[in-house]
Amino acid sequence: MASTTFTDFVTPVPAAWLNDVNAATYTQTPANTTAIATETTRALAAEALLAPKASPTFTGVPAAPTAVAGTNTTQLATTAYVVGQAATTTPVMDGIAAVGVSTTFARADHVHASDTTKAPIASPTFTGVPVAPTAASGTNTTQVATTAFVTGGIATAIATAVAPLAPQASPTFTGVPAAPTAAAGTNTTQLATTAFALTSVGSAWSAYTQSQGVTYTNTWGKTIFIYLRWYSATTAGGAYYAQVVVNGVEVYLQSGSTWSSYHSACIPVPPGGTWYWTQNGLQILHQNNICV
């Protein structure tokens, strides 16, 4: 078959496609042109499905070989590799601080053990020498009180508060001291108020006839005072006396060989107490009263 030259379809082609290995160009036929176009279309379509090596963008569900757990290189990590890196050991607690070297990670639902080196918020029990901020002097809240607060604040406040107080031993009162009033007739070491004095002792002397040598009993239910006053009309010689006895005990005695001035006695008698007075006849009873 004689060769036909198609000037419109002359295209340089690889040497392998040439019928004549010595020819520089290949004269295409219509059949060849169709085959080449078909192959070119297929090749371009296949290339469009490929990803570039530099910064590829995958679609669908890309897959790759799963690296061994703990691998730390530029190898692609699959989802199986990531999940396989989860730790299976119990979290450390109360250990020595360390940055760690493990390549595994903790799961979202991991739980730490209780830290026994920490005190609970509710009712903590501290050991050693616990410290805390010192509150300002005079603070009156639920804030923790330090020794500095107690020494510097409360101690000063206490010292200020007790400064005007009287000691228990031999107190010296000022102003107008007051105390509970004892019941009438009380005969103890309890403090006596002015009200007790007026109630138990009385506020006025009253005339009361007392015969010599007669025993009398205090039936007023409170302490009374016996007031007797003697005198001698003339200076008398010899021995004479005036005597008062309370509850069988001589509590007053006036005696001598001469007696021209007044002599008196004011003798207390407790509730229920007895008393009597006597004289030897040379004295004259000037007053004979009691205070009730």
Protein backbone atom coordinates (compact mmCIF):
# COMPACT_ATOMS: atom_id res chain seq x y z
CA MET A 1 0.00 0.00 0.00
CA ALA A 2 1.39 3.32 -1.05
CA SER A 3 1.95 5.76 1.81
CA THR A 4 -0.46 8.64 2.11
CA THR A 5 0.72 11.83 3.63
CA PHE A 6 -1.79 13.73 5.88
CA THR A 7 -0.40 17.14 6.41
CA ASP A 8 -3.07 18.05 8.97
CA PHE A 9 -2.28 15.19 11.38
CA VAL A 10 1.49 15.18 11.56
CA THR A 11 2.49 15.07 15.24
CA PRO A 12 5.81 14.19 16.77
CA VAL A 13 5.54 10.86 18.59
CA PRO A 14 7.92 8.75 20.65
CA ALA A 15 10.35 6.73 18.68
CA ALA A 16 8.77 3.52 19.99
CA TRP A 17 5.59 4.37 18.13
CA LEU A 18 7.28 4.69 14.76
CA ASN A 19 6.84 2.00 12.04
CA ASP A 20 10.23 2.94 10.69
CA VAL A 21 12.76 3.18 13.48
CA ASN A 22 14.84 5.46 11.34
CA ALA A 23 12.08 7.95 10.67
CA ALA A 24 11.91 11.21 12.70
CA THR A 25 8.17 11.69 12.34
CA TYR A 26 5.17 9.44 12.08
CA THR A 27 2.45 10.00 9.63
CA GLN A 28 -0.79 9.20 11.41
CA THR A 29 -3.82 7.61 9.97
CA PRO A 30 -7.35 8.41 11.13
CA ALA A 31 -7.45 5.13 13.08
CA ASN A 32 -4.31 5.95 14.95
CA THR A 33 -5.55 9.38 15.80
CA THR A 34 -8.67 8.00 17.49
CA ALA A 35 -6.71 5.50 19.57
CA ILE A 36 -4.30 8.12 20.81
CA ALA A 37 -7.12 10.50 21.80
CA THR A 38 -8.88 7.73 23.71
CA GLU A 39 -5.75 6.80 25.64
CA THR A 40 -5.00 10.41 26.42
CA THR A 41 -8.49 10.92 27.86
CA ARG A 42 -8.18 7.81 29.98
CA ALA A 43 -4.75 8.81 31.29
CA LEU A 44 -5.92 12.30 32.24
CA ALA A 45 -8.97 10.88 34.06
CA ALA A 46 -6.79 8.45 35.99
CA GLU A 47 -4.33 11.19 36.91
CA ALA A 48 -7.17 13.34 38.26
CA LEU A 49 -7.88 10.64 40.83
CA LEU A 50 -4.35 10.73 42.19
CA ALA A 51 -3.17 12.89 45.15
CA PRO A 52 -0.02 14.96 44.95
CA LYS A 53 2.88 14.02 47.20
CA ALA A 54 3.16 17.58 48.51
CA SER A 55 0.29 18.52 50.85
CA PRO A 56 -2.27 16.08 49.48
CA THR A 57 -5.98 16.52 50.28
CA PHE A 58 -7.67 13.13 50.63
CA THR A 59 -11.38 12.43 50.33
CA GLY A 60 -13.57 9.54 51.27
CA VAL A 61 -12.04 7.28 53.95
CA PRO A 62 -8.25 7.34 53.51
CA ALA A 63 -6.50 4.29 55.02
CA ALA A 64 -2.93 3.48 55.90
CA PRO A 65 -0.94 0.82 57.74
CA THR A 66 -1.28 1.08 61.56
CA ALA A 67 2.00 1.84 63.31
CA VAL A 68 3.10 -0.16 66.35
CA ALA A 69 1.95 1.37 69.70
CA GLY A 70 4.52 3.79 70.98
CA THR A 71 5.88 4.68 67.53
CA ASN A 72 7.18 8.23 67.52
CA THR A 73 8.13 9.05 63.89
CA THR A 74 6.66 10.84 60.84
CA GLN A 75 4.69 7.69 59.92
CA LEU A 76 0.98 8.32 59.40
CA ALA A 77 -1.15 7.63 62.51
CA THR A 78 -4.39 5.76 61.94
CA THR A 79 -7.41 5.87 64.22
CA ALA A 80 -6.41 2.42 65.44
CA TYR A 81 -2.98 3.76 66.41
CA VAL A 82 -4.48 6.72 68.32
CA VAL A 83 -6.94 4.59 70.31
CA GLY A 84 -4.19 2.09 70.99
CA GLN A 85 -2.11 4.81 72.65
CA ALA A 86 -4.59 5.09 75.58
CA ALA A 87 -3.03 4.19 78.95
CA THR A 88 -4.20 1.12 80.82
CA THR A 89 -2.42 1.83 84.13
CA THR A 90 -4.03 3.37 87.24
CA PRO A 91 -3.30 7.13 87.59
CA VAL A 92 -0.48 7.89 90.03
CA MET A 93 -1.34 9.72 93.28
CA ASP A 94 0.85 10.92 96.17
CA GLY A 95 3.95 10.29 94.04
CA ILE A 96 7.08 12.36 93.53
CA ALA A 97 6.62 15.18 91.01
CA ALA A 98 7.93 14.28 87.52
CA VAL A 99 7.37 15.53 83.96
CA GLY A 100 6.93 11.94 82.72
CA VAL A 101 8.15 10.17 79.57
CA SER A 102 5.15 8.01 78.63
CA THR A 103 3.72 8.37 75.11
CA THR A 104 0.29 7.19 76.21
CA PHE A 105 -2.58 9.42 77.28
CA ALA A 106 -5.32 9.20 79.96
CA ARG A 107 -8.85 8.27 78.99
CA ALA A 108 -11.66 10.79 79.55
CA ASP A 109 -13.28 8.70 82.28
CA HIS A 110 -10.09 7.99 84.23
CA VAL A 111 -10.34 8.41 88.06
CA HIS A 112 -7.58 9.52 90.42
CA ALA A 113 -7.19 7.87 93.82
CA SER A 114 -7.64 9.93 97.00
CA ASP A 115 -4.66 12.14 97.85
CA THR A 116 -3.86 11.26 101.45
CA THR A 117 -1.40 14.16 101.72
CA LYS A 118 -4.23 16.69 101.47
CA ALA A 119 -6.73 17.64 104.20
CA PRO A 120 -10.46 17.42 103.46
CA ILE A 121 -12.51 20.63 103.35
CA ALA A 122 -14.96 19.26 105.95
CA SER A 123 -13.50 18.85 109.47
CA PRO A 124 -9.81 18.65 108.48
CA THR A 125 -7.27 17.30 110.97
CA PHE A 126 -3.93 19.04 110.48
CA THR A 127 -0.53 17.82 111.62
CA GLY A 128 2.84 19.48 112.02
CA VAL A 129 2.67 23.26 112.29
CA PRO A 130 -0.29 24.48 110.19
CA VAL A 131 -0.14 28.14 109.18
CA ALA A 132 -2.76 30.57 107.91
CA PRO A 133 -3.09 34.32 107.19
CA THR A 134 -3.40 36.39 110.36
CA ALA A 135 -6.70 38.25 110.60
CA ALA A 136 -6.78 41.95 111.42
CA SER A 137 -7.08 42.77 115.12
CA GLY A 138 -10.71 42.82 116.21
CA THR A 139 -11.93 40.49 113.45
CA ASN A 140 -15.03 38.63 114.60
CA THR A 141 -15.85 36.11 111.86
CA THR A 142 -15.36 32.41 111.11
CA GLN A 143 -11.83 33.11 109.78
CA VAL A 144 -9.14 30.87 111.28
CA ALA A 145 -7.35 32.54 114.22
CA THR A 146 -3.56 32.25 114.24
CA THR A 147 -1.36 32.50 117.32
CA ALA A 148 -0.35 35.96 116.14
CA PHE A 149 -4.00 37.01 116.09
CA VAL A 150 -4.61 35.63 119.57
CA THR A 151 -1.46 37.17 121.04
CA GLY A 152 -1.76 40.50 119.31
CA GLY A 153 -5.50 40.91 119.18
CA ILE A 154 -7.45 38.86 121.70
CA ALA A 155 -4.77 39.10 124.41
CA THR A 156 -4.78 42.88 124.09
CA ALA A 157 -8.56 42.96 124.12
CA ILE A 158 -8.67 40.75 127.21
CA ALA A 159 -6.08 42.89 128.99
CA THR A 160 -8.13 45.98 128.19
CA ALA A 161 -11.32 44.30 129.36
CA VAL A 162 -9.93 43.08 132.70
CA ALA A 163 -8.07 46.30 133.51
CA PRO A 164 -11.09 47.84 135.30
CA LEU A 165 -11.90 44.61 137.16
CA ALA A 166 -11.08 44.13 140.83
CA PRO A 167 -8.96 41.20 142.05
CA GLN A 168 -10.59 38.50 144.17
CA ALA A 169 -8.10 39.01 146.99
CA SER A 170 -8.56 42.28 148.89
CA PRO A 171 -10.34 44.24 146.14
CA THR A 172 -10.55 48.01 146.34
CA PHE A 173 -13.80 49.24 144.87
CA THR A 174 -14.54 52.73 143.56
CA GLY A 175 -17.70 54.55 142.61
CA VAL A 176 -20.87 53.00 144.05
CA PRO A 177 -20.27 49.24 144.42
CA ALA A 178 -23.41 47.10 144.45
CA ALA A 179 -24.11 43.51 145.49
CA PRO A 180 -27.08 41.20 146.07
CA THR A 181 -28.84 41.95 149.35
CA ALA A 182 -28.73 39.06 151.82
CA ALA A 183 -31.89 37.89 153.53
CA ALA A 184 -32.67 39.60 156.83
CA GLY A 185 -30.85 37.92 159.68
CA THR A 186 -28.08 36.40 157.53
CA ASN A 187 -24.94 35.95 159.61
CA THR A 188 -22.22 34.81 157.17
CA THR A 189 -19.30 36.29 155.26
CA GLN A 190 -21.67 37.48 152.52
CA LEU A 191 -21.35 41.17 151.72
CA ALA A 192 -23.82 43.38 153.56
CA THR A 193 -25.52 46.05 151.49
CA THR A 194 -27.08 49.22 152.83
CA ALA A 195 -30.46 47.59 152.26
CA PHE A 196 -29.40 44.65 154.43
CA ALA A 197 -28.20 47.00 157.17
CA LEU A 198 -31.49 48.87 157.27
CA THR A 199 -33.52 45.64 157.13
CA SER A 200 -31.48 43.54 159.53
CA VAL A 201 -30.26 46.15 161.97
CA GLY A 202 -32.95 48.79 161.79
CA SER A 203 -33.06 52.48 161.21
CA ALA A 204 -33.95 53.89 164.63
CA TRP A 205 -33.47 53.25 168.32
CA SER A 206 -36.54 52.29 170.27
CA ALA A 207 -37.19 52.41 174.00
CA TYR A 208 -37.21 48.97 175.53
CA THR A 209 -37.51 48.18 179.22
CA GLN A 210 -34.94 45.63 180.34
CA SER A 211 -34.83 44.49 183.90
CA GLN A 212 -31.53 43.68 185.56
CA GLY A 213 -30.62 40.01 185.67
CA VAL A 214 -33.46 38.94 183.34
CA THR A 215 -32.52 36.89 180.25
CA TYR A 216 -34.04 38.13 177.00
CA THR A 217 -34.19 36.45 173.56
CA ASN A 218 -33.86 38.15 170.17
CA THR A 219 -37.09 37.19 168.37
CA TRP A 220 -36.95 39.88 165.68
CA GLY A 221 -35.41 37.52 163.10
CA LYS A 222 -32.48 39.87 162.52
CA THR A 223 -29.49 41.22 164.38
CA ILE A 224 -30.38 43.83 167.01
CA PHE A 225 -28.21 46.14 169.09
CA ILE A 226 -28.55 46.52 172.83
CA TYR A 227 -27.69 50.01 174.03
CA LEU A 228 -27.19 50.60 177.75
CA ARG A 229 -25.81 53.69 179.47
CA TRP A 230 -24.89 54.01 183.13
CA TYR A 231 -23.70 56.79 185.37
CA SER A 232 -23.07 57.40 189.09
CA ALA A 233 -24.82 60.27 190.79
CA THR A 234 -21.91 60.77 193.20
CA THR A 235 -18.36 59.55 193.39
CA ALA A 236 -18.61 56.33 195.27
CA GLY A 237 -15.88 54.37 196.90
CA GLY A 238 -15.49 50.64 196.76
CA ALA A 239 -15.82 48.13 193.94
CA TYR A 240 -18.73 48.31 191.52
CA TYR A 241 -19.45 47.16 188.02
CA ALA A 242 -21.91 46.99 185.08
CA GLN A 243 -21.99 43.87 182.89
CA VAL A 244 -23.66 42.62 179.66
CA VAL A 245 -23.74 38.88 178.76
CA VAL A 246 -24.73 37.63 175.28
CA ASN A 247 -25.33 33.89 174.69
CA GLY A 248 -23.67 33.16 178.05
CA VAL A 249 -20.51 35.13 177.22
CA GLU A 250 -19.59 38.36 178.95
CA VAL A 251 -19.16 40.94 176.21
CA TYR A 252 -19.10 44.11 178.28
CA LEU A 253 -17.76 44.95 181.73
CA GLN A 254 -17.28 48.34 183.34
CA SER A 255 -15.82 48.29 186.86
CA GLY A 256 -13.78 50.49 189.18
CA SER A 257 -13.57 52.12 192.62
CA THR A 258 -14.69 55.56 191.48
CA TRP A 259 -17.10 56.37 188.71
CA SER A 260 -18.59 59.80 188.13
CA SER A 261 -18.90 59.91 184.31
CA TYR A 262 -21.25 58.20 181.85
CA HIS A 263 -20.36 54.78 180.49
CA SER A 264 -22.25 53.11 177.65
CA ALA A 265 -22.33 49.87 175.71
CA CYS A 266 -23.81 49.03 172.25
CA ILE A 267 -23.87 45.25 171.97
CA PRO A 268 -25.06 43.24 168.88
CA VAL A 269 -27.24 40.21 169.46
CA PRO A 270 -27.80 37.80 166.52
CA PRO A 271 -31.23 36.35 165.65
CA GLY A 272 -32.31 33.90 168.36
CA GLY A 273 -29.51 35.08 170.68
CA THR A 274 -30.00 35.73 174.40
CA TRP A 275 -28.68 38.50 176.63
CA TYR A 276 -28.95 39.99 180.07
CA TRP A 277 -27.30 42.80 182.06
CA THR A 278 -26.48 43.25 185.71
CA GLN A 279 -25.00 45.88 188.04
CA ASN A 280 -24.07 45.96 191.71
CA GLY A 281 -26.45 48.77 192.70
CA LEU A 282 -24.05 51.73 192.83
CA GLN A 283 -24.81 52.79 189.22
CA ILE A 284 -27.91 54.39 187.75
CA LEU A 285 -29.26 53.13 184.37
CA HIS A 286 -29.61 56.27 182.26
CA GLN A 287 -30.71 54.68 178.92
CA ASN A 288 -32.04 51.26 178.14
CA ASN A 289 -32.74 50.95 174.37
CA ILE A 290 -32.43 48.54 171.47
CA CYS A 291 -32.13 49.06 167.71
CA VAL A 292 -34.36 46.76 165.72
